[in-house]
Amino acid sequence: MKFHLIAIAVSASLLVGCHDDDHNIIDDNNADATQTTRSYTVTVKNLTANQPLSPLAVLAHNNQYRLFSVGEAASDSLELLAESGDNSSVLAEKETNTNVGYSFSGTGVVLPGSSDTITFMIDPTQASLVSVASMLVNTNDGFVGETQLDLASLAVGASLNMNMAVWDSGTESNNESAASIPGPAAGGEGFSSARDDNNRVSFHAGVISLDDGLATSALNATHRFLNPGARLSITRTE
């Protein structure tokens, strides 16, 4: 599969991997919401200088599910997101994994300095934990992500705020080549089913770039990033 992000910085609508056209309020699986239903907003702000973030993937689930575990191999769905920015496979966990009750997509690409917000309703008896992920598209397989965030204790009006580290999915070598980076800096293919790195999720070591002497790199100094790569805020609104 090839998932191009060549025009990612031109239009933030090219990469929407959503199965609902209305992103203002999403009530997935809860058409008949009861008083047990709770409303939340998830906001992710891009803190990088020149790393657009792919459309957000948000899952609500129970404590038997983890989107990723540091030191362990990434799932196939996370590999697709981390290498290409395509969030569709992660969102499909709602259909394929009985521990995932809800899935929500962001509205589009999150440019540097910008934010995206998703508002949704969930039944905490079905899912009280949340996982969030998005690719840094001018990388081989770098992503920001948090998993198993417990929302059960949040009171109405309360927020959970945290910095999001940049992770390396460990599924693709960080060669920074034009052929393998899908973002606007390179326009490569993105996803490849072959895993040619250490095959475990770890803290991302960062971009080297052509300016710092990596001859194969399609990136320059502006694509380097510091941790954290994003800021996450989850607020209970009802």
C-alpha atoms as a PDB file:
ATOM      1  CA  MET A   1       0.000   0.000   0.000  1.00  0.00           C
ATOM      2  CA  LYS A   2       1.219   3.466  -0.799  1.00  0.00           C
ATOM      3  CA  PHE A   3      -0.034   6.450   1.164  1.00  0.00           C
ATOM      4  CA  HIS A   4       1.305   9.710  -0.184  1.00  0.00           C
ATOM      5  CA  LEU A   5       1.516  12.910   1.829  1.00  0.00           C
ATOM      6  CA  ILE A   6       3.215  14.986  -0.864  1.00  0.00           C
ATOM      7  CA  ALA A   7       0.768  17.862  -0.610  1.00  0.00           C
ATOM      8  CA  ILE A   8       0.358  17.614   3.126  1.00  0.00           C
ATOM      9  CA  ALA A   9       1.340  21.175   3.912  1.00  0.00           C
ATOM     10  CA  VAL A  10      -0.841  22.596   1.136  1.00  0.00           C
ATOM     11  CA  SER A  11      -4.150  21.140   2.258  1.00  0.00           C
ATOM     12  CA  ALA A  12      -4.958  19.760   5.664  1.00  0.00           C
ATOM     13  CA  SER A  13      -7.847  17.804   4.190  1.00  0.00           C
ATOM     14  CA  LEU A  14      -5.883  15.265   2.164  1.00  0.00           C
ATOM     15  CA  LEU A  15      -5.307  12.722   4.878  1.00  0.00           C
ATOM     16  CA  VAL A  16      -8.592  12.478   6.762  1.00  0.00           C
ATOM     17  CA  GLY A  17      -8.962   8.824   7.681  1.00  0.00           C
ATOM     18  CA  CYS A  18     -12.407   9.227   9.211  1.00  0.00           C
ATOM     19  CA  HIS A  19     -15.593   7.275   8.833  1.00  0.00           C
ATOM     20  CA  ASP A  20     -17.821  10.221   9.824  1.00  0.00           C
ATOM     21  CA  ASP A  21     -18.084  13.535   8.029  1.00  0.00           C
ATOM     22  CA  ASP A  22     -19.036  15.485  11.162  1.00  0.00           C
ATOM     23  CA  HIS A  23     -16.054  16.050  13.428  1.00  0.00           C
ATOM     24  CA  ASN A  24     -17.627  18.598  15.737  1.00  0.00           C
ATOM     25  CA  ILE A  25     -19.418  16.026  17.887  1.00  0.00           C
ATOM     26  CA  ILE A  26     -18.929  12.309  17.425  1.00  0.00           C
ATOM     27  CA  ASP A  27     -21.251   9.872  19.194  1.00  0.00           C
ATOM     28  CA  ASP A  28     -19.898   6.558  17.923  1.00  0.00           C
ATOM     29  CA  ASN A  29     -21.801   3.439  19.051  1.00  0.00           C
ATOM     30  CA  ASN A  30     -24.068   5.559  21.287  1.00  0.00           C
ATOM     31  CA  ALA A  31     -27.000   6.770  19.254  1.00  0.00           C
ATOM     32  CA  ASP A  32     -29.176   6.314  22.358  1.00  0.00           C
ATOM     33  CA  ALA A  33     -26.910   7.996  24.872  1.00  0.00           C
ATOM     34  CA  THR A  34     -28.012   7.599  28.493  1.00  0.00           C
ATOM     35  CA  GLN A  35     -27.107   9.490  31.617  1.00  0.00           C
ATOM     36  CA  THR A  36     -24.089   7.214  32.030  1.00  0.00           C
ATOM     37  CA  THR A  37     -22.583   8.631  28.836  1.00  0.00           C
ATOM     38  CA  ARG A  38     -19.739  11.102  29.307  1.00  0.00           C
ATOM     39  CA  SER A  39     -18.452  13.749  26.908  1.00  0.00           C
ATOM     40  CA  TYR A  40     -14.788  14.613  26.376  1.00  0.00           C
ATOM     41  CA  THR A  41     -12.641  16.782  24.172  1.00  0.00           C
ATOM     42  CA  VAL A  42      -9.190  15.653  23.085  1.00  0.00           C
ATOM     43  CA  THR A  43      -6.847  18.365  21.809  1.00  0.00           C
ATOM     44  CA  VAL A  44      -3.377  17.772  20.394  1.00  0.00           C
ATOM     45  CA  LYS A  45      -1.084  20.715  19.659  1.00  0.00           C
ATOM     46  CA  ASN A  46       1.881  20.258  17.323  1.00  0.00           C
ATOM     47  CA  LEU A  47       5.013  21.594  19.045  1.00  0.00           C
ATOM     48  CA  THR A  48       7.483  20.913  16.227  1.00  0.00           C
ATOM     49  CA  ALA A  49       8.988  23.447  13.817  1.00  0.00           C
ATOM     50  CA  ASN A  50       8.538  21.565  10.536  1.00  0.00           C
ATOM     51  CA  GLN A  51       6.898  18.212  11.225  1.00  0.00           C
ATOM     52  CA  PRO A  52       3.224  18.063  10.230  1.00  0.00           C
ATOM     53  CA  LEU A  53       1.271  15.506  12.231  1.00  0.00           C
ATOM     54  CA  SER A  54      -0.974  13.031  10.436  1.00  0.00           C
ATOM     55  CA  PRO A  55      -4.710  12.912  11.315  1.00  0.00           C
ATOM     56  CA  LEU A  56      -5.145  11.868  14.911  1.00  0.00           C
ATOM     57  CA  ALA A  57      -6.275   8.386  15.850  1.00  0.00           C
ATOM     58  CA  VAL A  58      -8.141   8.149  19.160  1.00  0.00           C
ATOM     59  CA  LEU A  59      -9.386   4.895  20.673  1.00  0.00           C
ATOM     60  CA  ALA A  60     -11.488   4.392  23.795  1.00  0.00           C
ATOM     61  CA  HIS A  61     -11.087   0.936  25.308  1.00  0.00           C
ATOM     62  CA  ASN A  62     -10.806  -1.181  28.444  1.00  0.00           C
ATOM     63  CA  ASN A  63      -7.676  -2.072  30.390  1.00  0.00           C
ATOM     64  CA  GLN A  64      -7.017  -5.187  28.317  1.00  0.00           C
ATOM     65  CA  TYR A  65      -5.906  -3.114  25.326  1.00  0.00           C
ATOM     66  CA  ARG A  66      -2.701  -1.166  24.692  1.00  0.00           C
ATOM     67  CA  LEU A  67      -1.976   0.703  21.468  1.00  0.00           C
ATOM     68  CA  PHE A  68       1.726   0.064  21.989  1.00  0.00           C
ATOM     69  CA  SER A  69       4.225  -1.038  24.610  1.00  0.00           C
ATOM     70  CA  VAL A  70       7.740   0.389  24.789  1.00  0.00           C
ATOM     71  CA  GLY A  71      10.295  -2.317  24.077  1.00  0.00           C
ATOM     72  CA  GLU A  72       7.824  -4.535  22.246  1.00  0.00           C
ATOM     73  CA  ALA A  73       6.992  -4.918  18.555  1.00  0.00           C
ATOM     74  CA  ALA A  74       4.474  -2.508  17.059  1.00  0.00           C
ATOM     75  CA  SER A  75       1.197  -3.922  15.814  1.00  0.00           C
ATOM     76  CA  ASP A  76       0.517  -3.973  12.079  1.00  0.00           C
ATOM     77  CA  SER A  77      -2.005  -1.154  12.490  1.00  0.00           C
ATOM     78  CA  LEU A  78       0.462   1.029  14.375  1.00  0.00           C
ATOM     79  CA  GLU A  79       3.130   0.257  11.768  1.00  0.00           C
ATOM     80  CA  LEU A  80       0.837   1.587   9.035  1.00  0.00           C
ATOM     81  CA  LEU A  81       0.158   4.780  10.974  1.00  0.00           C
ATOM     82  CA  ALA A  82       3.803   5.325  11.981  1.00  0.00           C
ATOM     83  CA  GLU A  83       5.188   4.793   8.470  1.00  0.00           C
ATOM     84  CA  SER A  84       2.518   6.444   6.324  1.00  0.00           C
ATOM     85  CA  GLY A  85       0.234   8.549   8.511  1.00  0.00           C
ATOM     86  CA  ASP A  86      -2.755   6.399   7.552  1.00  0.00           C
ATOM     87  CA  ASN A  87      -4.901   6.048  10.682  1.00  0.00           C
ATOM     88  CA  SER A  88      -7.541   3.755   9.137  1.00  0.00           C
ATOM     89  CA  SER A  89      -6.136   0.504  10.465  1.00  0.00           C
ATOM     90  CA  VAL A  90      -5.829   1.835  14.014  1.00  0.00           C
ATOM     91  CA  LEU A  91      -9.422   3.110  13.825  1.00  0.00           C
ATOM     92  CA  ALA A  92     -10.516  -0.316  12.600  1.00  0.00           C
ATOM     93  CA  GLU A  93      -9.433  -1.812  15.943  1.00  0.00           C
ATOM     94  CA  LYS A  94     -12.969  -0.946  17.051  1.00  0.00           C
ATOM     95  CA  GLU A  95     -14.243  -3.594  14.653  1.00  0.00           C
ATOM     96  CA  THR A  96     -11.511  -6.192  15.103  1.00  0.00           C
ATOM     97  CA  ASN A  97     -10.697  -6.034  18.828  1.00  0.00           C
ATOM     98  CA  THR A  98     -13.432  -6.654  21.398  1.00  0.00           C
ATOM     99  CA  ASN A  99     -11.518  -4.604  23.977  1.00  0.00           C
ATOM    100  CA  VAL A 100     -11.883  -1.427  21.890  1.00  0.00           C
ATOM    101  CA  GLY A 101     -15.287   0.225  22.168  1.00  0.00           C
ATOM    102  CA  TYR A 102     -14.845   3.424  20.165  1.00  0.00           C
ATOM    103  CA  SER A 103     -12.626   4.963  17.511  1.00  0.00           C
ATOM    104  CA  PHE A 104     -12.379   8.602  16.426  1.00  0.00           C
ATOM    105  CA  SER A 105     -10.372  10.345  13.737  1.00  0.00           C
ATOM    106  CA  GLY A 106      -8.964  13.838  13.681  1.00  0.00           C
ATOM    107  CA  THR A 107     -10.175  16.362  11.127  1.00  0.00           C
ATOM    108  CA  GLY A 108      -6.957  16.406   9.116  1.00  0.00           C
ATOM    109  CA  VAL A 109      -3.251  17.145   9.155  1.00  0.00           C
ATOM    110  CA  VAL A 110      -2.049  19.147  12.169  1.00  0.00           C
ATOM    111  CA  LEU A 111       0.512  21.672  10.961  1.00  0.00           C
ATOM    112  CA  PRO A 112       3.365  22.955  13.173  1.00  0.00           C
ATOM    113  CA  GLY A 113       2.039  25.299  15.831  1.00  0.00           C
ATOM    114  CA  SER A 114      -1.565  24.259  15.174  1.00  0.00           C
ATOM    115  CA  SER A 115      -3.993  22.054  17.086  1.00  0.00           C
ATOM    116  CA  ASP A 116      -6.803  19.641  16.361  1.00  0.00           C
ATOM    117  CA  THR A 117      -9.693  18.886  18.713  1.00  0.00           C
ATOM    118  CA  ILE A 118     -12.036  15.909  18.743  1.00  0.00           C
ATOM    119  CA  THR A 119     -15.224  15.970  20.817  1.00  0.00           C
ATOM    120  CA  PHE A 120     -16.923  12.667  21.562  1.00  0.00           C
ATOM    121  CA  MET A 121     -19.187  10.755  23.912  1.00  0.00           C
ATOM    122  CA  ILE A 122     -18.505   7.348  25.440  1.00  0.00           C
ATOM    123  CA  ASP A 123     -20.095   5.010  27.931  1.00  0.00           C
ATOM    124  CA  PRO A 124     -17.492   4.449  30.694  1.00  0.00           C
ATOM    125  CA  THR A 125     -18.939   1.009  31.404  1.00  0.00           C
ATOM    126  CA  GLN A 126     -17.769   0.013  27.915  1.00  0.00           C
ATOM    127  CA  ALA A 127     -14.510   1.971  27.779  1.00  0.00           C
ATOM    128  CA  SER A 128     -12.841   4.263  30.292  1.00  0.00           C
ATOM    129  CA  LEU A 129      -9.298   4.409  28.888  1.00  0.00           C
ATOM    130  CA  VAL A 130      -8.072   6.341  25.857  1.00  0.00           C
ATOM    131  CA  SER A 131      -5.136   5.991  23.452  1.00  0.00           C
ATOM    132  CA  VAL A 132      -3.985   8.690  21.023  1.00  0.00           C
ATOM    133  CA  ALA A 133      -1.441   8.573  18.172  1.00  0.00           C
ATOM    134  CA  SER A 134      -0.244  10.578  15.157  1.00  0.00           C
ATOM    135  CA  MET A 135       2.736  10.316  12.796  1.00  0.00           C
ATOM    136  CA  LEU A 136       5.462  12.926  12.341  1.00  0.00           C
ATOM    137  CA  VAL A 137       5.224  12.710   8.572  1.00  0.00           C
ATOM    138  CA  ASN A 138       8.728  13.973   7.766  1.00  0.00           C
ATOM    139  CA  THR A 139      10.206  10.890   9.431  1.00  0.00           C
ATOM    140  CA  ASN A 140      10.472   7.229   8.533  1.00  0.00           C
ATOM    141  CA  ASP A 141       8.327   5.861  11.354  1.00  0.00           C
ATOM    142  CA  GLY A 142       8.208   8.429  14.126  1.00  0.00           C
ATOM    143  CA  PHE A 143       4.970   9.082  15.996  1.00  0.00           C
ATOM    144  CA  VAL A 144       3.587  10.807  19.054  1.00  0.00           C
ATOM    145  CA  GLY A 145       1.410   8.561  21.155  1.00  0.00           C
ATOM    146  CA  GLU A 146      -0.057   7.867  24.565  1.00  0.00           C
ATOM    147  CA  THR A 147      -1.917   4.753  25.615  1.00  0.00           C
ATOM    148  CA  GLN A 148      -4.130   3.576  28.479  1.00  0.00           C
ATOM    149  CA  LEU A 149      -4.955   7.067  29.753  1.00  0.00           C
ATOM    150  CA  ASP A 150      -7.571   6.535  32.472  1.00  0.00           C
ATOM    151  CA  LEU A 151     -10.470   9.002  32.261  1.00  0.00           C
ATOM    152  CA  ALA A 152     -12.659   7.389  34.929  1.00  0.00           C
ATOM    153  CA  SER A 153     -11.691   9.813  37.687  1.00  0.00           C
ATOM    154  CA  LEU A 154     -12.046  13.021  35.665  1.00  0.00           C
ATOM    155  CA  ALA A 155     -14.807  15.247  37.022  1.00  0.00           C
ATOM    156  CA  VAL A 156     -16.860  17.476  34.749  1.00  0.00           C
ATOM    157  CA  GLY A 157     -14.688  20.442  33.795  1.00  0.00           C
ATOM    158  CA  ALA A 158     -11.446  18.721  34.826  1.00  0.00           C
ATOM    159  CA  SER A 159      -8.572  18.154  32.381  1.00  0.00           C
ATOM    160  CA  LEU A 160      -5.699  15.753  31.905  1.00  0.00           C
ATOM    161  CA  ASN A 161      -2.717  17.563  30.359  1.00  0.00           C
ATOM    162  CA  MET A 162       0.581  16.051  29.284  1.00  0.00           C
ATOM    163  CA  ASN A 163       3.470  16.340  26.873  1.00  0.00           C
ATOM    164  CA  MET A 164       3.623  13.682  24.156  1.00  0.00           C
ATOM    165  CA  ALA A 165       6.985  12.054  23.509  1.00  0.00           C
ATOM    166  CA  VAL A 166       8.087  11.122  19.997  1.00  0.00           C
ATOM    167  CA  TRP A 167       8.396   7.352  19.595  1.00  0.00           C
ATOM    168  CA  ASP A 168      10.082   5.225  16.944  1.00  0.00           C
ATOM    169  CA  SER A 169       7.931   2.267  15.905  1.00  0.00           C
ATOM    170  CA  GLY A 170      11.051   0.263  15.062  1.00  0.00           C
ATOM    171  CA  THR A 171       9.542  -1.001  11.816  1.00  0.00           C
ATOM    172  CA  GLU A 172      11.526   1.032   9.273  1.00  0.00           C
ATOM    173  CA  SER A 173      15.176   2.070   9.212  1.00  0.00           C
ATOM    174  CA  ASN A 174      15.680   5.781   9.868  1.00  0.00           C
ATOM    175  CA  ASN A 175      17.578   6.381   6.642  1.00  0.00           C
ATOM    176  CA  GLU A 176      15.602   9.596   5.957  1.00  0.00           C
ATOM    177  CA  SER A 177      15.569   8.791   2.240  1.00  0.00           C
ATOM    178  CA  ALA A 178      13.250  10.502  -0.220  1.00  0.00           C
ATOM    179  CA  ALA A 179      11.821   7.114  -1.182  1.00  0.00           C
ATOM    180  CA  SER A 180      10.711   6.198   2.318  1.00  0.00           C
ATOM    181  CA  ILE A 181       9.447   9.439   3.913  1.00  0.00           C
ATOM    182  CA  PRO A 182       5.852  10.285   2.930  1.00  0.00           C
ATOM    183  CA  GLY A 183       5.735  13.910   4.096  1.00  0.00           C
ATOM    184  CA  PRO A 184       6.168  17.066   2.009  1.00  0.00           C
ATOM    185  CA  ALA A 185       9.937  17.033   2.540  1.00  0.00           C
ATOM    186  CA  ALA A 186      10.292  13.882   0.452  1.00  0.00           C
ATOM    187  CA  GLY A 187       7.018  12.524  -0.924  1.00  0.00           C
ATOM    188  CA  GLY A 188       8.069   8.884  -0.679  1.00  0.00           C
ATOM    189  CA  GLU A 189       5.940   5.775  -0.413  1.00  0.00           C
ATOM    190  CA  GLY A 190       5.625   5.725   3.360  1.00  0.00           C
ATOM    191  CA  PHE A 191       4.400   2.267   4.318  1.00  0.00           C
ATOM    192  CA  SER A 192       6.328  -0.880   3.504  1.00  0.00           C
ATOM    193  CA  SER A 193       5.342  -4.253   4.929  1.00  0.00           C
ATOM    194  CA  ALA A 194       9.000  -5.258   5.296  1.00  0.00           C
ATOM    195  CA  ARG A 195      10.426  -4.505   8.737  1.00  0.00           C
ATOM    196  CA  ASP A 196      14.097  -3.555   8.508  1.00  0.00           C
ATOM    197  CA  ASP A 197      14.743  -1.956  11.911  1.00  0.00           C
ATOM    198  CA  ASN A 198      14.947  -3.363  15.457  1.00  0.00           C
ATOM    199  CA  ASN A 199      11.200  -4.229  15.533  1.00  0.00           C
ATOM    200  CA  ARG A 200      10.436  -2.652  18.897  1.00  0.00           C
ATOM    201  CA  VAL A 201       8.901   0.634  19.959  1.00  0.00           C
ATOM    202  CA  SER A 202      11.444   2.946  21.556  1.00  0.00           C
ATOM    203  CA  PHE A 203      12.168   6.593  22.263  1.00  0.00           C
ATOM    204  CA  HIS A 204      12.961   8.362  18.984  1.00  0.00           C
ATOM    205  CA  ALA A 205      16.599   9.442  18.660  1.00  0.00           C
ATOM    206  CA  GLY A 206      15.660  12.343  16.387  1.00  0.00           C
ATOM    207  CA  VAL A 207      16.356  13.433  12.823  1.00  0.00           C
ATOM    208  CA  ILE A 208      19.952  13.734  11.603  1.00  0.00           C
ATOM    209  CA  SER A 209      19.311  15.515   8.259  1.00  0.00           C
ATOM    210  CA  LEU A 210      21.519  16.322   5.298  1.00  0.00           C
ATOM    211  CA  ASP A 211      22.730  19.471   7.073  1.00  0.00           C
ATOM    212  CA  ASP A 212      24.234  17.314   9.799  1.00  0.00           C
ATOM    213  CA  GLY A 213      26.022  15.025   7.383  1.00  0.00           C
ATOM    214  CA  LEU A 214      23.621  12.189   6.553  1.00  0.00           C
ATOM    215  CA  ALA A 215      24.230  11.980   2.810  1.00  0.00           C
ATOM    216  CA  THR A 216      21.103   9.896   2.119  1.00  0.00           C
ATOM    217  CA  SER A 217      18.771  12.276   3.949  1.00  0.00           C
ATOM    218  CA  ALA A 218      15.991  14.188   2.192  1.00  0.00           C
ATOM    219  CA  LEU A 219      15.583  16.291   5.338  1.00  0.00           C
ATOM    220  CA  ASN A 220      17.256  19.495   6.481  1.00  0.00           C
ATOM    221  CA  ALA A 221      17.840  21.139   9.834  1.00  0.00           C
ATOM    222  CA  THR A 222      14.299  22.526   9.995  1.00  0.00           C
ATOM    223  CA  HIS A 223      12.924  18.996  10.239  1.00  0.00           C
ATOM    224  CA  ARG A 224      14.769  18.242  13.451  1.00  0.00           C
ATOM    225  CA  PHE A 225      12.600  18.128  16.562  1.00  0.00           C
ATOM    226  CA  LEU A 226      12.964  18.180  20.297  1.00  0.00           C
ATOM    227  CA  ASN A 227      10.867  16.246  22.745  1.00  0.00           C
ATOM    228  CA  PRO A 228       8.037  16.682  23.458  1.00  0.00           C
ATOM    229  CA  GLY A 229       6.632  16.657  19.926  1.00  0.00           C
ATOM    230  CA  ALA A 230       3.069  17.538  20.910  1.00  0.00           C
ATOM    231  CA  ARG A 231       0.900  18.619  23.814  1.00  0.00           C
ATOM    232  CA  LEU A 232      -2.169  16.592  24.755  1.00  0.00           C
ATOM    233  CA  SER A 233      -5.183  17.864  26.699  1.00  0.00           C
ATOM    234  CA  ILE A 234      -8.266  15.798  27.535  1.00  0.00           C
ATOM    235  CA  THR A 235     -11.191  17.578  29.197  1.00  0.00           C
ATOM    236  CA  ARG A 236     -14.410  16.073  30.486  1.00  0.00           C
ATOM    237  CA  THR A 237     -17.226  18.332  29.365  1.00  0.00           C
ATOM    238  CA  GLU A 238     -20.251  16.393  30.612  1.00  0.00           C
END
